[in-house]
Amino acid sequence: MVATIIICLSLLALVGGIVYKIIKNKKEGKSSCSCGCGSCDACKK
């Protein structure tokens, strides 16, 4: 039971960190594809 809780909390922290990083990059204007193409339709979303 305790191991399950620890694993769930670890996964939750990992997913939370990933979401935080994505939001932070979005606010800084960085694209998710890492190509640096300002004219790309995917970067304008």
PDB file of N, CA and C in Angstrom:
ATOM      1  N   MET A   1       0.826  -1.198   0.000  1.00  0.00           N
ATOM      2  CA  MET A   1       0.000   0.000   0.000  1.00  0.00           C
ATOM      3  C   MET A   1       0.871   1.262   0.000  1.00  0.00           C
ATOM      4  N   VAL A   2       1.867   1.300   0.860  1.00  0.00           N
ATOM      5  CA  VAL A   2       2.739   2.469   0.937  1.00  0.00           C
ATOM      6  C   VAL A   2       3.542   2.623  -0.355  1.00  0.00           C
ATOM      7  N   ALA A   3       3.980   1.511  -0.930  1.00  0.00           N
ATOM      8  CA  ALA A   3       4.744   1.563  -2.178  1.00  0.00           C
ATOM      9  C   ALA A   3       3.890   2.140  -3.311  1.00  0.00           C
ATOM     10  N   THR A   4       2.634   1.784  -3.347  1.00  0.00           N
ATOM     11  CA  THR A   4       1.727   2.294  -4.375  1.00  0.00           C
ATOM     12  C   THR A   4       1.569   3.804  -4.249  1.00  0.00           C
ATOM     13  N   ILE A   5       1.440   4.292  -3.026  1.00  0.00           N
ATOM     14  CA  ILE A   5       1.300   5.730  -2.795  1.00  0.00           C
ATOM     15  C   ILE A   5       2.570   6.451  -3.214  1.00  0.00           C
ATOM     16  N   ILE A   6       3.728   5.902  -2.884  1.00  0.00           N
ATOM     17  CA  ILE A   6       5.004   6.521  -3.245  1.00  0.00           C
ATOM     18  C   ILE A   6       5.163   6.571  -4.764  1.00  0.00           C
ATOM     19  N   ILE A   7       4.826   5.491  -5.437  1.00  0.00           N
ATOM     20  CA  ILE A   7       4.924   5.451  -6.896  1.00  0.00           C
ATOM     21  C   ILE A   7       3.964   6.458  -7.528  1.00  0.00           C
ATOM     22  N   CYS A   8       2.748   6.528  -7.022  1.00  0.00           N
ATOM     23  CA  CYS A   8       1.765   7.482  -7.561  1.00  0.00           C
ATOM     24  C   CYS A   8       2.225   8.922  -7.352  1.00  0.00           C
ATOM     25  N   LEU A   9       2.765   9.225  -6.181  1.00  0.00           N
ATOM     26  CA  LEU A   9       3.255  10.583  -5.925  1.00  0.00           C
ATOM     27  C   LEU A   9       4.443  10.925  -6.821  1.00  0.00           C
ATOM     28  N   SER A  10       5.313   9.947  -7.053  1.00  0.00           N
ATOM     29  CA  SER A  10       6.455  10.169  -7.940  1.00  0.00           C
ATOM     30  C   SER A  10       5.998  10.448  -9.365  1.00  0.00           C
ATOM     31  N   LEU A  11       5.050   9.671  -9.846  1.00  0.00           N
ATOM     32  CA  LEU A  11       4.515   9.890 -11.191  1.00  0.00           C
ATOM     33  C   LEU A  11       3.797  11.227 -11.295  1.00  0.00           C
ATOM     34  N   LEU A  12       3.065  11.587 -10.260  1.00  0.00           N
ATOM     35  CA  LEU A  12       2.370  12.867 -10.240  1.00  0.00           C
ATOM     36  C   LEU A  12       3.369  14.024 -10.281  1.00  0.00           C
ATOM     37  N   ALA A  13       4.460  13.908  -9.533  1.00  0.00           N
ATOM     38  CA  ALA A  13       5.496  14.944  -9.546  1.00  0.00           C
ATOM     39  C   ALA A  13       6.152  15.035 -10.918  1.00  0.00           C
ATOM     40  N   LEU A  14       6.397  13.905 -11.543  1.00  0.00           N
ATOM     41  CA  LEU A  14       7.005  13.885 -12.874  1.00  0.00           C
ATOM     42  C   LEU A  14       6.099  14.553 -13.906  1.00  0.00           C
ATOM     43  N   VAL A  15       4.839  14.186 -13.915  1.00  0.00           N
ATOM     44  CA  VAL A  15       3.885  14.774 -14.858  1.00  0.00           C
ATOM     45  C   VAL A  15       3.727  16.267 -14.571  1.00  0.00           C
ATOM     46  N   GLY A  16       3.664  16.637 -13.307  1.00  0.00           N
ATOM     47  CA  GLY A  16       3.558  18.043 -12.939  1.00  0.00           C
ATOM     48  C   GLY A  16       4.757  18.842 -13.417  1.00  0.00           C
ATOM     49  N   GLY A  17       5.953  18.267 -13.300  1.00  0.00           N
ATOM     50  CA  GLY A  17       7.158  18.930 -13.779  1.00  0.00           C
ATOM     51  C   GLY A  17       7.146  19.121 -15.282  1.00  0.00           C
ATOM     52  N   ILE A  18       6.678  18.128 -15.994  1.00  0.00           N
ATOM     53  CA  ILE A  18       6.599  18.216 -17.457  1.00  0.00           C
ATOM     54  C   ILE A  18       5.607  19.295 -17.871  1.00  0.00           C
ATOM     55  N   VAL A  19       4.444  19.311 -17.238  1.00  0.00           N
ATOM     56  CA  VAL A  19       3.431  20.317 -17.560  1.00  0.00           C
ATOM     57  C   VAL A  19       3.960  21.715 -17.236  1.00  0.00           C
ATOM     58  N   TYR A  20       4.640  21.860 -16.105  1.00  0.00           N
ATOM     59  CA  TYR A  20       5.226  23.152 -15.723  1.00  0.00           C
ATOM     60  C   TYR A  20       6.220  23.626 -16.770  1.00  0.00           C
ATOM     61  N   LYS A  21       7.070  22.724 -17.232  1.00  0.00           N
ATOM     62  CA  LYS A  21       8.078  23.069 -18.233  1.00  0.00           C
ATOM     63  C   LYS A  21       7.419  23.499 -19.546  1.00  0.00           C
ATOM     64  N   ILE A  22       6.372  22.796 -19.960  1.00  0.00           N
ATOM     65  CA  ILE A  22       5.662  23.136 -21.197  1.00  0.00           C
ATOM     66  C   ILE A  22       5.031  24.526 -21.077  1.00  0.00           C
ATOM     67  N   ILE A  23       4.382  24.794 -19.944  1.00  0.00           N
ATOM     68  CA  ILE A  23       3.743  26.096 -19.746  1.00  0.00           C
ATOM     69  C   ILE A  23       4.788  27.201 -19.696  1.00  0.00           C
ATOM     70  N   LYS A  24       5.897  26.954 -19.012  1.00  0.00           N
ATOM     71  CA  LYS A  24       6.970  27.940 -18.920  1.00  0.00           C
ATOM     72  C   LYS A  24       7.536  28.257 -20.304  1.00  0.00           C
ATOM     73  N   ASN A  25       7.790  27.230 -21.107  1.00  0.00           N
ATOM     74  CA  ASN A  25       8.305  27.442 -22.463  1.00  0.00           C
ATOM     75  C   ASN A  25       7.299  28.206 -23.319  1.00  0.00           C
ATOM     76  N   LYS A  26       6.024  27.907 -23.163  1.00  0.00           N
ATOM     77  CA  LYS A  26       4.988  28.583 -23.934  1.00  0.00           C
ATOM     78  C   LYS A  26       4.953  30.072 -23.587  1.00  0.00           C
ATOM     79  N   LYS A  27       5.068  30.398 -22.303  1.00  0.00           N
ATOM     80  CA  LYS A  27       5.054  31.794 -21.880  1.00  0.00           C
ATOM     81  C   LYS A  27       6.292  32.542 -22.373  1.00  0.00           C
ATOM     82  N   GLU A  28       7.421  31.844 -22.491  1.00  0.00           N
ATOM     83  CA  GLU A  28       8.660  32.458 -22.962  1.00  0.00           C
ATOM     84  C   GLU A  28       8.713  32.539 -24.485  1.00  0.00           C
ATOM     85  N   GLY A  29       7.709  31.985 -25.163  1.00  0.00           N
ATOM     86  CA  GLY A  29       7.635  32.055 -26.616  1.00  0.00           C
ATOM     87  C   GLY A  29       8.462  30.998 -27.321  1.00  0.00           C
ATOM     88  N   LYS A  30       8.921  30.014 -26.599  1.00  0.00           N
ATOM     89  CA  LYS A  30       9.688  28.933 -27.220  1.00  0.00           C
ATOM     90  C   LYS A  30       8.728  27.944 -27.863  1.00  0.00           C
ATOM     91  N   SER A  31       9.132  27.390 -29.006  1.00  0.00           N
ATOM     92  CA  SER A  31       8.268  26.438 -29.671  1.00  0.00           C
ATOM     93  C   SER A  31       8.516  25.040 -29.124  1.00  0.00           C
ATOM     94  N   SER A  32       7.538  24.184 -29.236  1.00  0.00           N
ATOM     95  CA  SER A  32       7.656  22.831 -28.721  1.00  0.00           C
ATOM     96  C   SER A  32       8.410  21.914 -29.677  1.00  0.00           C
ATOM     97  N   CYS A  33       8.526  22.337 -30.942  1.00  0.00           N
ATOM     98  CA  CYS A  33       9.184  21.459 -31.913  1.00  0.00           C
ATOM     99  C   CYS A  33      10.696  21.699 -31.976  1.00  0.00           C
ATOM    100  N   SER A  34      11.188  22.741 -31.324  1.00  0.00           N
ATOM    101  CA  SER A  34      12.616  23.066 -31.242  1.00  0.00           C
ATOM    102  C   SER A  34      13.250  23.395 -32.584  1.00  0.00           C
ATOM    103  N   CYS A  35      12.438  23.746 -33.575  1.00  0.00           N
ATOM    104  CA  CYS A  35      13.002  24.024 -34.891  1.00  0.00           C
ATOM    105  C   CYS A  35      13.317  25.501 -35.072  1.00  0.00           C
ATOM    106  N   GLY A  36      12.721  26.371 -34.267  1.00  0.00           N
ATOM    107  CA  GLY A  36      12.984  27.796 -34.355  1.00  0.00           C
ATOM    108  C   GLY A  36      12.434  28.447 -35.602  1.00  0.00           C
ATOM    109  N   CYS A  37      11.385  27.912 -36.166  1.00  0.00           N
ATOM    110  CA  CYS A  37      10.830  28.462 -37.398  1.00  0.00           C
ATOM    111  C   CYS A  37       9.626  29.340 -37.068  1.00  0.00           C
ATOM    112  N   GLY A  38       9.788  30.639 -37.153  1.00  0.00           N
ATOM    113  CA  GLY A  38       8.729  31.579 -36.808  1.00  0.00           C
ATOM    114  C   GLY A  38       7.579  31.592 -37.790  1.00  0.00           C
ATOM    115  N   SER A  39       7.813  31.159 -39.035  1.00  0.00           N
ATOM    116  CA  SER A  39       6.746  31.175 -40.032  1.00  0.00           C
ATOM    117  C   SER A  39       5.939  29.872 -40.057  1.00  0.00           C
ATOM    118  N   CYS A  40       6.304  28.933 -39.249  1.00  0.00           N
ATOM    119  CA  CYS A  40       5.628  27.633 -39.210  1.00  0.00           C
ATOM    120  C   CYS A  40       4.257  27.775 -38.546  1.00  0.00           C
ATOM    121  N   ASP A  41       3.237  27.134 -39.089  1.00  0.00           N
ATOM    122  CA  ASP A  41       1.888  27.189 -38.514  1.00  0.00           C
ATOM    123  C   ASP A  41       1.856  26.573 -37.123  1.00  0.00           C
ATOM    124  N   ALA A  42       2.667  25.563 -36.874  1.00  0.00           N
ATOM    125  CA  ALA A  42       2.658  24.917 -35.558  1.00  0.00           C
ATOM    126  C   ALA A  42       3.178  25.857 -34.483  1.00  0.00           C
ATOM    127  N   CYS A  43       4.038  26.786 -34.828  1.00  0.00           N
ATOM    128  CA  CYS A  43       4.612  27.710 -33.853  1.00  0.00           C
ATOM    129  C   CYS A  43       3.675  28.857 -33.533  1.00  0.00           C
ATOM    130  N   LYS A  44       2.674  29.103 -34.352  1.00  0.00           N
ATOM    131  CA  LYS A  44       1.777  30.225 -34.154  1.00  0.00           C
ATOM    132  C   LYS A  44       0.588  29.907 -33.266  1.00  0.00           C
ATOM    133  N   LYS A  45       0.450  28.673 -32.846  1.00  0.00           N
ATOM    134  CA  LYS A  45      -0.704  28.261 -32.043  1.00  0.00           C
ATOM    135  C   LYS A  45      -0.564  28.683 -30.621  1.00  0.00           C
TER     136      LYS A  45
END
